[in-house]
N, C-alpha and C. Protein backbone atom coordinates (compact mmCIF):
# COMPACT_ATOMS: atom_id res chain seq x y z
N MET A 1 42.31 29.12 -36.88
CA MET A 1 41.39 27.90 -36.82
C MET A 1 42.28 26.67 -37.11
N SER A 2 42.04 25.30 -36.50
CA SER A 2 42.75 24.47 -36.33
C SER A 2 42.41 23.93 -37.36
N LYS A 3 43.06 22.67 -37.82
CA LYS A 3 42.62 21.53 -39.17
C LYS A 3 41.79 20.16 -39.15
N LYS A 4 40.58 20.94 -37.97
CA LYS A 4 39.67 19.72 -38.14
C LYS A 4 38.65 20.12 -39.16
N ASN A 5 37.94 18.05 -39.02
CA ASN A 5 36.83 18.27 -39.46
C ASN A 5 35.54 18.67 -38.66
N TYR A 6 34.91 19.26 -39.09
CA TYR A 6 33.84 20.10 -38.27
C TYR A 6 33.03 20.37 -39.53
N VAL A 7 31.32 19.99 -38.48
CA VAL A 7 29.93 19.43 -39.55
C VAL A 7 30.01 20.94 -40.53
N LEU A 8 30.42 22.41 -39.59
CA LEU A 8 30.22 23.59 -40.52
C LEU A 8 31.20 23.72 -41.08
N PRO A 9 31.12 24.44 -42.47
CA PRO A 9 31.67 24.91 -43.19
C PRO A 9 32.53 25.69 -42.63
N GLU A 10 33.68 25.76 -43.16
CA GLU A 10 35.34 26.53 -42.39
C GLU A 10 34.64 28.20 -42.98
N GLY A 11 33.67 28.53 -43.61
CA GLY A 11 33.72 30.31 -43.46
C GLY A 11 32.87 30.40 -42.43
N GLN A 12 31.70 29.58 -42.15
CA GLN A 12 30.68 29.73 -41.33
C GLN A 12 31.23 29.48 -39.89
N GLN A 13 32.07 28.62 -39.65
CA GLN A 13 32.77 28.52 -38.58
C GLN A 13 33.93 30.01 -37.92
N ALA A 14 34.50 30.41 -39.20
CA ALA A 14 34.92 31.58 -39.01
C ALA A 14 34.16 33.22 -38.66
N LYS A 15 33.16 32.71 -39.01
CA LYS A 15 32.32 33.78 -38.83
C LYS A 15 31.63 33.85 -37.22
N LEU A 16 31.32 32.38 -36.78
CA LEU A 16 30.97 31.86 -35.22
C LEU A 16 32.26 32.27 -34.88
N ILE A 17 33.19 32.40 -34.76
CA ILE A 17 34.51 32.25 -34.06
C ILE A 17 34.76 33.74 -33.33
N GLU A 18 34.09 34.65 -34.67
CA GLU A 18 34.20 35.84 -34.46
C GLU A 18 33.69 36.61 -33.96
N MET A 19 32.11 35.89 -34.19
CA MET A 19 31.44 36.55 -33.05
C MET A 19 30.97 35.94 -31.85
N LEU A 20 31.83 34.52 -31.18
CA LEU A 20 32.05 34.26 -30.34
C LEU A 20 32.87 35.09 -29.07
N ASN A 21 33.96 35.41 -30.05
CA ASN A 21 35.28 36.16 -29.01
C ASN A 21 34.44 37.08 -28.96
N ARG A 22 33.89 37.85 -29.71
CA ARG A 22 33.21 39.34 -29.33
C ARG A 22 32.34 39.09 -28.13
N ARG A 23 31.43 38.48 -28.46
CA ARG A 23 30.79 38.13 -27.34
C ARG A 23 31.38 37.35 -25.84
N LEU A 24 32.90 36.88 -26.07
CA LEU A 24 33.58 36.63 -24.92
C LEU A 24 33.49 38.14 -24.30
N ALA A 25 34.07 39.07 -24.78
CA ALA A 25 34.40 39.88 -24.16
C ALA A 25 33.77 41.05 -24.12
N ASP A 26 32.46 40.57 -24.28
CA ASP A 26 31.58 41.68 -23.52
C ASP A 26 31.07 40.84 -22.28
N THR A 27 31.31 39.59 -22.21
CA THR A 27 30.74 38.81 -20.70
C THR A 27 32.19 38.92 -19.99
N ILE A 28 32.58 39.04 -20.06
CA ILE A 28 34.22 39.29 -19.54
C ILE A 28 33.86 40.73 -18.65
N ASP A 29 33.75 41.89 -19.30
CA ASP A 29 33.60 42.97 -19.76
C ASP A 29 32.57 43.04 -18.01
N LEU A 30 31.83 42.29 -18.52
CA LEU A 30 30.31 42.47 -17.43
C LEU A 30 30.66 41.77 -15.99
N GLN A 31 31.88 40.79 -16.60
CA GLN A 31 32.27 39.92 -15.10
C GLN A 31 32.80 41.22 -14.45
N LEU A 32 34.03 41.77 -14.89
CA LEU A 32 34.65 43.16 -14.08
C LEU A 32 33.43 43.81 -13.82
N GLN A 33 32.71 44.09 -14.41
CA GLN A 33 32.04 45.44 -13.86
C GLN A 33 31.19 44.80 -12.90
N SER A 34 30.55 43.69 -12.77
CA SER A 34 29.64 43.14 -11.67
C SER A 34 30.89 42.93 -10.64
N ARG A 35 32.14 42.78 -10.70
CA ARG A 35 33.34 42.91 -9.40
C ARG A 35 33.25 44.46 -9.03
N GLN A 36 33.28 45.36 -10.06
CA GLN A 36 33.49 46.65 -9.73
C GLN A 36 32.36 47.00 -8.36
N ALA A 37 31.48 46.67 -8.78
CA ALA A 37 30.30 47.30 -7.90
C ALA A 37 30.02 46.38 -6.76
N PHE A 38 30.34 44.92 -6.76
CA PHE A 38 31.08 44.36 -5.72
C PHE A 38 31.99 45.14 -4.89
N TRP A 39 33.03 45.26 -5.12
CA TRP A 39 34.06 45.55 -4.63
C TRP A 39 33.78 47.20 -3.95
N ASN A 40 32.98 47.69 -4.38
CA ASN A 40 32.59 49.66 -4.22
C ASN A 40 31.62 49.76 -3.39
N VAL A 41 30.89 48.58 -3.06
CA VAL A 41 29.42 48.59 -2.82
C VAL A 41 29.63 49.52 -1.07
N LYS A 42 28.84 50.46 -0.80
CA LYS A 42 28.71 51.25 0.43
C LYS A 42 26.88 51.01 1.15
N GLY A 43 27.02 51.36 2.26
CA GLY A 43 25.49 51.83 2.58
C GLY A 43 25.30 51.02 3.55
N PRO A 44 23.80 51.01 3.88
CA PRO A 44 22.42 50.25 4.75
C PRO A 44 22.48 48.54 4.13
N ASN A 45 22.34 48.87 2.84
CA ASN A 45 21.89 47.68 1.80
C ASN A 45 23.66 46.58 2.01
N PHE A 46 24.92 47.18 2.21
CA PHE A 46 26.01 46.42 2.39
C PHE A 46 25.91 44.93 1.96
N MET A 47 25.47 44.02 3.12
CA MET A 47 26.49 42.90 2.80
C MET A 47 25.21 42.07 2.04
N SER A 48 23.84 42.55 1.41
CA SER A 48 23.31 41.85 0.84
C SER A 48 23.31 42.04 -0.83
N LEU A 49 23.79 43.63 -0.95
CA LEU A 49 24.21 43.88 -1.98
C LEU A 49 25.46 43.38 -2.63
N ARG A 50 26.46 43.25 -1.55
CA ARG A 50 28.05 42.38 -1.40
C ARG A 50 27.74 41.12 -2.51
N GLU A 51 26.65 40.66 -1.30
CA GLU A 51 26.19 38.94 -1.96
C GLU A 51 25.54 38.84 -3.30
N LEU A 52 24.96 39.66 -3.59
CA LEU A 52 24.39 39.61 -4.71
C LEU A 52 25.29 39.72 -5.82
N PHE A 53 25.86 40.80 -6.00
CA PHE A 53 26.92 41.23 -7.03
C PHE A 53 27.88 40.22 -6.75
N ASP A 54 28.29 39.78 -6.27
CA ASP A 54 29.22 38.34 -6.51
C ASP A 54 28.80 37.26 -6.91
N LYS A 55 27.55 37.35 -6.80
CA LYS A 55 26.80 35.71 -7.28
C LYS A 55 26.60 36.51 -8.96
N VAL A 56 26.03 37.81 -8.85
CA VAL A 56 26.26 37.95 -10.27
C VAL A 56 27.33 37.76 -10.91
N ALA A 57 28.43 38.33 -11.05
CA ALA A 57 30.02 37.40 -11.20
C ALA A 57 30.64 36.66 -11.38
N GLU A 58 29.70 35.39 -10.80
CA GLU A 58 29.89 34.25 -10.44
C GLU A 58 29.56 33.58 -11.30
N GLY A 59 27.75 33.63 -11.75
CA GLY A 59 27.10 33.28 -12.69
C GLY A 59 27.85 33.38 -14.34
N VAL A 60 27.96 35.01 -14.46
CA VAL A 60 28.75 35.63 -15.90
C VAL A 60 30.03 35.01 -16.04
N GLU A 61 30.54 34.43 -14.93
CA GLU A 61 32.03 33.70 -15.56
C GLU A 61 31.87 32.20 -15.91
N GLU A 62 30.89 32.07 -15.36
CA GLU A 62 30.22 30.61 -16.04
C GLU A 62 29.99 30.79 -17.41
N TYR A 63 28.94 32.06 -18.07
CA TYR A 63 28.64 32.40 -19.27
C TYR A 63 30.40 32.54 -20.02
N ALA A 64 31.37 33.02 -19.47
CA ALA A 64 32.14 33.13 -20.29
C ALA A 64 33.12 31.87 -20.58
N SER A 65 32.62 30.80 -19.48
CA SER A 65 33.29 29.59 -19.91
C SER A 65 32.43 28.75 -21.03
N LEU A 66 31.39 28.76 -21.27
CA LEU A 66 30.64 28.15 -22.30
C LEU A 66 31.14 28.90 -23.11
N ILE A 67 31.04 30.16 -23.39
CA ILE A 67 31.45 30.91 -24.82
C ILE A 67 32.96 30.61 -24.97
N ALA A 68 33.62 30.13 -24.27
CA ALA A 68 34.77 30.11 -24.65
C ALA A 68 35.29 28.55 -25.42
N GLY A 69 34.44 27.94 -24.43
CA GLY A 69 34.62 26.25 -24.54
C GLY A 69 34.39 26.02 -26.05
N ARG A 70 33.00 26.85 -26.50
CA ARG A 70 31.88 26.91 -27.52
C ARG A 70 33.36 27.08 -29.09
N ILE A 71 33.93 28.71 -28.65
CA ILE A 71 34.58 28.84 -29.61
C ILE A 71 36.27 27.96 -29.54
N VAL A 72 36.28 27.44 -28.68
CA VAL A 72 37.60 26.08 -29.04
C VAL A 72 37.01 25.02 -29.71
N GLN A 73 35.87 24.73 -29.45
CA GLN A 73 34.96 23.20 -30.18
C GLN A 73 34.72 23.37 -31.57
N LEU A 74 34.57 25.08 -32.11
CA LEU A 74 34.95 25.48 -33.19
C LEU A 74 36.15 25.66 -34.09
N GLY A 75 37.27 25.08 -33.56
CA GLY A 75 38.51 25.08 -34.32
C GLY A 75 39.10 26.28 -33.48
N GLY A 76 38.56 27.55 -32.68
CA GLY A 76 38.77 28.72 -32.74
C GLY A 76 40.34 28.95 -31.37
N THR A 77 40.20 29.99 -31.39
CA THR A 77 40.99 30.51 -29.88
C THR A 77 40.39 31.30 -28.74
N ALA A 78 39.90 30.97 -27.96
CA ALA A 78 39.21 32.13 -27.27
C ALA A 78 40.35 33.23 -26.72
N GLU A 79 39.69 34.12 -27.32
CA GLU A 79 40.71 35.57 -26.67
C GLU A 79 39.94 36.50 -25.76
N GLY A 80 40.67 36.18 -24.18
CA GLY A 80 40.09 36.59 -23.26
C GLY A 80 40.62 37.22 -22.52
N THR A 81 41.79 38.14 -22.89
CA THR A 81 42.93 38.66 -22.50
C THR A 81 42.38 39.81 -21.79
N ALA A 82 43.03 40.75 -21.24
CA ALA A 82 42.72 42.37 -21.30
C ALA A 82 42.50 43.11 -22.14
N HIS A 83 43.51 43.14 -23.26
CA HIS A 83 44.05 43.50 -24.25
C HIS A 83 43.04 43.66 -24.89
N ALA A 84 42.40 42.00 -25.35
CA ALA A 84 41.43 41.43 -26.64
C ALA A 84 40.28 41.95 -25.96
N VAL A 85 39.84 42.39 -24.79
CA VAL A 85 38.56 42.73 -23.79
C VAL A 85 38.19 44.02 -24.20
N ALA A 86 39.27 44.37 -24.02
CA ALA A 86 39.23 46.00 -23.85
C ALA A 86 39.11 46.47 -25.82
N GLY A 87 39.41 45.95 -26.27
CA GLY A 87 39.64 46.37 -27.80
C GLY A 87 38.12 45.80 -28.30
N ARG A 88 37.64 44.89 -27.92
CA ARG A 88 36.02 44.18 -28.35
C ARG A 88 34.73 43.97 -28.24
N SER A 89 34.66 44.85 -26.61
CA SER A 89 34.00 44.44 -25.69
C SER A 89 32.72 45.82 -26.48
N ALA A 90 31.75 45.76 -26.33
CA ALA A 90 30.42 46.21 -27.03
C ALA A 90 29.69 47.30 -25.95
N LEU A 91 29.99 46.33 -24.79
CA LEU A 91 29.11 47.81 -23.57
C LEU A 91 29.84 48.58 -23.31
N ASP A 92 28.99 49.61 -22.52
CA ASP A 92 29.63 50.73 -22.43
C ASP A 92 30.41 50.67 -20.81
N GLY A 93 31.20 51.75 -21.28
CA GLY A 93 32.24 51.46 -19.70
C GLY A 93 31.74 51.92 -18.36
N TYR A 94 32.18 51.41 -17.60
CA TYR A 94 31.75 51.29 -16.15
C TYR A 94 32.04 52.93 -15.62
N SER A 95 31.16 53.74 -14.89
CA SER A 95 31.53 54.92 -14.38
C SER A 95 32.12 54.41 -13.15
N LEU A 96 33.31 54.60 -12.73
CA LEU A 96 34.49 54.67 -11.73
C LEU A 96 33.95 55.78 -10.60
N SER A 97 33.60 56.25 -10.82
CA SER A 97 32.67 57.35 -9.90
C SER A 97 32.42 57.07 -8.39
N ASN A 98 32.48 57.28 -7.47
CA ASN A 98 32.16 56.91 -6.05
C ASN A 98 30.52 57.33 -6.14
N VAL A 99 29.93 56.00 -6.50
CA VAL A 99 28.54 56.33 -6.24
C VAL A 99 27.99 55.51 -5.15
N PRO A 100 26.12 55.64 -4.43
CA PRO A 100 26.13 54.80 -3.54
C PRO A 100 25.71 53.62 -3.73
N GLY A 101 25.19 52.91 -2.96
CA GLY A 101 24.44 51.14 -3.35
C GLY A 101 23.63 51.26 -4.82
N ASN A 102 22.56 52.41 -4.34
CA ASN A 102 21.27 52.62 -5.76
C ASN A 102 22.15 52.77 -7.30
N GLY A 103 23.20 53.66 -6.65
CA GLY A 103 23.92 54.00 -7.88
C GLY A 103 24.47 53.03 -8.96
N LEU A 104 24.75 52.29 -8.06
CA LEU A 104 25.43 50.61 -8.15
C LEU A 104 24.90 50.02 -9.25
N ILE A 105 23.32 49.71 -8.10
CA ILE A 105 22.24 49.14 -8.97
C ILE A 105 21.75 49.26 -10.33
N ASP A 106 21.76 50.67 -10.18
CA ASP A 106 21.31 51.65 -11.69
C ASP A 106 22.40 51.12 -12.70
N ALA A 107 23.60 51.48 -12.23
CA ALA A 107 24.68 50.88 -13.29
C ALA A 107 24.67 49.68 -14.15
N LEU A 108 24.39 48.27 -12.79
CA LEU A 108 24.86 47.43 -13.32
C LEU A 108 23.84 46.34 -13.76
N ALA A 109 22.47 46.89 -13.42
CA ALA A 109 21.26 46.88 -14.57
C ALA A 109 21.03 47.36 -15.79
N THR A 110 21.73 48.41 -16.19
CA THR A 110 22.16 49.10 -17.41
C THR A 110 22.94 47.71 -18.33
N THR A 111 23.72 47.72 -17.45
CA THR A 111 25.22 46.69 -18.45
C THR A 111 23.93 45.21 -18.65
N LEU A 112 23.74 44.94 -17.36
CA LEU A 112 22.93 43.45 -17.79
C LEU A 112 21.61 43.45 -19.40
N THR A 113 21.33 44.77 -18.84
CA THR A 113 20.15 44.70 -20.07
C THR A 113 20.71 45.09 -21.43
N GLU A 114 22.00 45.46 -21.53
CA GLU A 114 22.59 45.84 -22.66
C GLU A 114 23.04 44.25 -23.28
N PHE A 115 24.17 43.63 -22.20
CA PHE A 115 24.86 42.81 -22.81
C PHE A 115 23.37 41.47 -22.75
N GLY A 116 22.53 41.68 -22.20
CA GLY A 116 21.43 40.34 -22.84
C GLY A 116 20.83 41.03 -23.71
N ARG A 117 20.63 42.09 -24.09
CA ARG A 117 20.28 42.40 -25.90
C ARG A 117 21.20 41.80 -26.95
N HIS A 118 22.75 41.98 -26.49
CA HIS A 118 23.62 41.38 -27.37
C HIS A 118 23.25 39.78 -27.43
N ALA A 119 23.11 39.09 -26.22
CA ALA A 119 22.94 37.99 -26.42
C ALA A 119 22.10 37.22 -26.99
N ARG A 120 20.75 37.87 -27.10
CA ARG A 120 19.69 37.74 -27.87
C ARG A 120 20.11 37.83 -29.35
N TYR A 121 20.60 38.62 -29.26
CA TYR A 121 21.50 38.46 -30.83
C TYR A 121 22.30 37.77 -31.44
N ALA A 122 23.15 37.31 -30.57
CA ALA A 122 24.12 36.43 -30.90
C ALA A 122 23.36 35.62 -31.42
N SER A 123 22.40 35.11 -30.79
CA SER A 123 21.04 33.73 -30.80
C SER A 123 20.77 34.10 -31.68
N GLU A 124 20.12 35.11 -32.19
CA GLU A 124 19.95 35.25 -33.90
C GLU A 124 20.76 34.62 -34.73
N GLN A 125 22.25 35.32 -34.43
CA GLN A 125 23.39 35.03 -35.82
C GLN A 125 23.59 33.95 -35.69
N ALA A 126 23.94 33.23 -34.75
CA ALA A 126 24.04 31.44 -34.65
C ALA A 126 22.50 31.00 -35.62
N ILE A 127 21.77 31.41 -35.33
CA ILE A 127 20.63 31.00 -36.18
C ILE A 127 20.95 30.86 -38.00
N GLU A 128 20.93 32.01 -37.80
CA GLU A 128 21.14 32.42 -39.50
C GLU A 128 22.45 31.26 -39.86
N LEU A 129 23.61 31.27 -39.07
CA LEU A 129 24.70 30.79 -39.52
C LEU A 129 24.81 29.10 -38.92
N LYS A 130 23.54 28.71 -39.01
CA LYS A 130 22.90 27.55 -39.10
C LYS A 130 23.79 26.45 -38.01
N ASP A 131 23.93 27.38 -36.90
CA ASP A 131 24.55 26.60 -35.40
C ASP A 131 23.52 27.01 -34.04
N ALA A 132 22.76 25.76 -34.58
CA ALA A 132 21.75 25.33 -33.55
C ALA A 132 22.49 25.31 -31.89
N ASP A 133 23.78 25.00 -32.09
CA ASP A 133 24.21 24.62 -30.86
C ASP A 133 24.53 26.11 -30.24
N THR A 134 24.93 26.77 -30.94
CA THR A 134 25.66 28.06 -30.02
C THR A 134 24.82 28.58 -30.34
N ALA A 135 23.19 29.21 -30.85
CA ALA A 135 21.77 29.80 -30.39
C ALA A 135 21.58 29.03 -29.24
N ALA A 136 21.66 27.85 -28.96
CA ALA A 136 20.85 27.33 -27.61
C ALA A 136 22.16 28.05 -26.61
N ILE A 137 23.64 28.26 -26.44
CA ILE A 137 23.95 28.56 -25.72
C ILE A 137 23.80 29.87 -25.22
N PHE A 138 23.67 30.88 -26.51
CA PHE A 138 23.21 32.29 -25.69
C PHE A 138 21.43 32.62 -25.68
N THR A 139 20.76 31.30 -25.97
CA THR A 139 19.51 31.54 -25.42
C THR A 139 19.77 31.20 -23.97
N GLU A 140 20.33 30.09 -23.19
CA GLU A 140 20.57 30.15 -21.99
C GLU A 140 21.40 31.02 -21.40
N ILE A 141 22.42 31.95 -22.21
CA ILE A 141 22.65 32.70 -21.25
C ILE A 141 21.64 34.41 -21.10
N ALA A 142 21.07 34.39 -22.04
CA ALA A 142 20.05 35.27 -22.06
C ALA A 142 18.88 34.98 -20.81
N ARG A 143 18.52 34.18 -21.11
CA ARG A 143 17.44 33.68 -19.90
C ARG A 143 17.89 33.89 -18.60
N GLY A 144 19.53 33.71 -18.66
CA GLY A 144 20.18 33.54 -16.98
C GLY A 144 20.43 35.00 -17.07
N ILE A 145 21.02 35.76 -17.26
CA ILE A 145 21.16 37.24 -17.84
C ILE A 145 19.29 37.82 -17.16
N ASP A 146 18.22 37.77 -17.64
CA ASP A 146 17.39 37.92 -17.43
C ASP A 146 16.90 37.62 -15.96
N LYS A 147 17.41 36.47 -15.56
CA LYS A 147 17.11 36.26 -13.81
C LYS A 147 18.15 37.36 -13.11
N TRP A 148 19.69 37.86 -13.41
CA TRP A 148 20.08 38.62 -12.65
C TRP A 148 19.77 40.08 -13.04
N LEU A 149 19.03 40.03 -13.77
CA LEU A 149 18.49 41.63 -13.79
C LEU A 149 16.92 41.82 -13.01
N TRP A 150 16.66 40.91 -12.59
CA TRP A 150 15.31 40.64 -12.23
C TRP A 150 15.70 40.87 -10.81
N PHE A 151 16.98 40.32 -10.41
CA PHE A 151 17.34 40.27 -8.81
C PHE A 151 18.14 41.33 -8.53
N VAL A 152 18.42 42.21 -9.65
CA VAL A 152 19.52 43.72 -9.32
C VAL A 152 18.06 44.64 -8.91
N GLU A 153 17.26 44.59 -9.94
CA GLU A 153 16.21 45.40 -10.27
C GLU A 153 15.53 45.38 -9.04
N THR A 154 15.15 44.50 -8.29
CA THR A 154 14.68 44.73 -7.20
C THR A 154 15.15 44.38 -5.73
N SER A 155 16.52 44.68 -5.94
CA SER A 155 16.81 44.68 -4.86
C SER A 155 17.06 46.14 -4.40
N GLN A 156 17.08 47.26 -5.34
CA GLN A 156 16.37 48.51 -4.88
C GLN A 156 15.84 48.75 -3.49
N GLN A 157 15.83 49.71 -3.19
CA GLN A 157 14.61 50.17 -1.62
C GLN A 157 13.74 50.91 -2.02
N ALA A 158 12.79 50.30 -1.57
CA ALA A 158 11.81 50.85 -2.15
C ALA A 158 11.71 52.86 -2.04
N GLY A 159 11.09 53.51 -2.70
CA GLY A 159 11.02 54.30 -2.69
C GLY A 159 12.46 55.15 -3.24
N SER A 160 13.33 54.40 -3.51
CA SER A 160 14.51 55.17 -3.87
C SER A 160 14.90 55.37 -5.68
């Protein structure tokens, strides 16, 4: 952590930076899982699902940038390497098995739900650490995840 003057005490900053890096790992993992779905979609709804999964991945990339920016603002280092993500992500691993479009939808919906819980918990942690700005970032992210989850879940075909 750099030696700049910040409003929050150094101990709080360190806790926030650690929590933010854990959530950054989750965010990058979610982005990659969205890309995995994008790359492997097949079936009658190929184009619409591919477009949706691409938009989810792009939206999640914006969340990663928000989190990384906050880490640096607090004097930390955003740790988004593959090694850091693999060691830190709390999300369940993505099944690489060959699944049809609805299987991809189910897998991504499950991961979005899990990620949303982590984002809400991060907001609560930030409030406990008296950092309203970080809490607001995670509230914004949780709202966005709710929107993506809704889009993904409603893309299921009726009766499937």
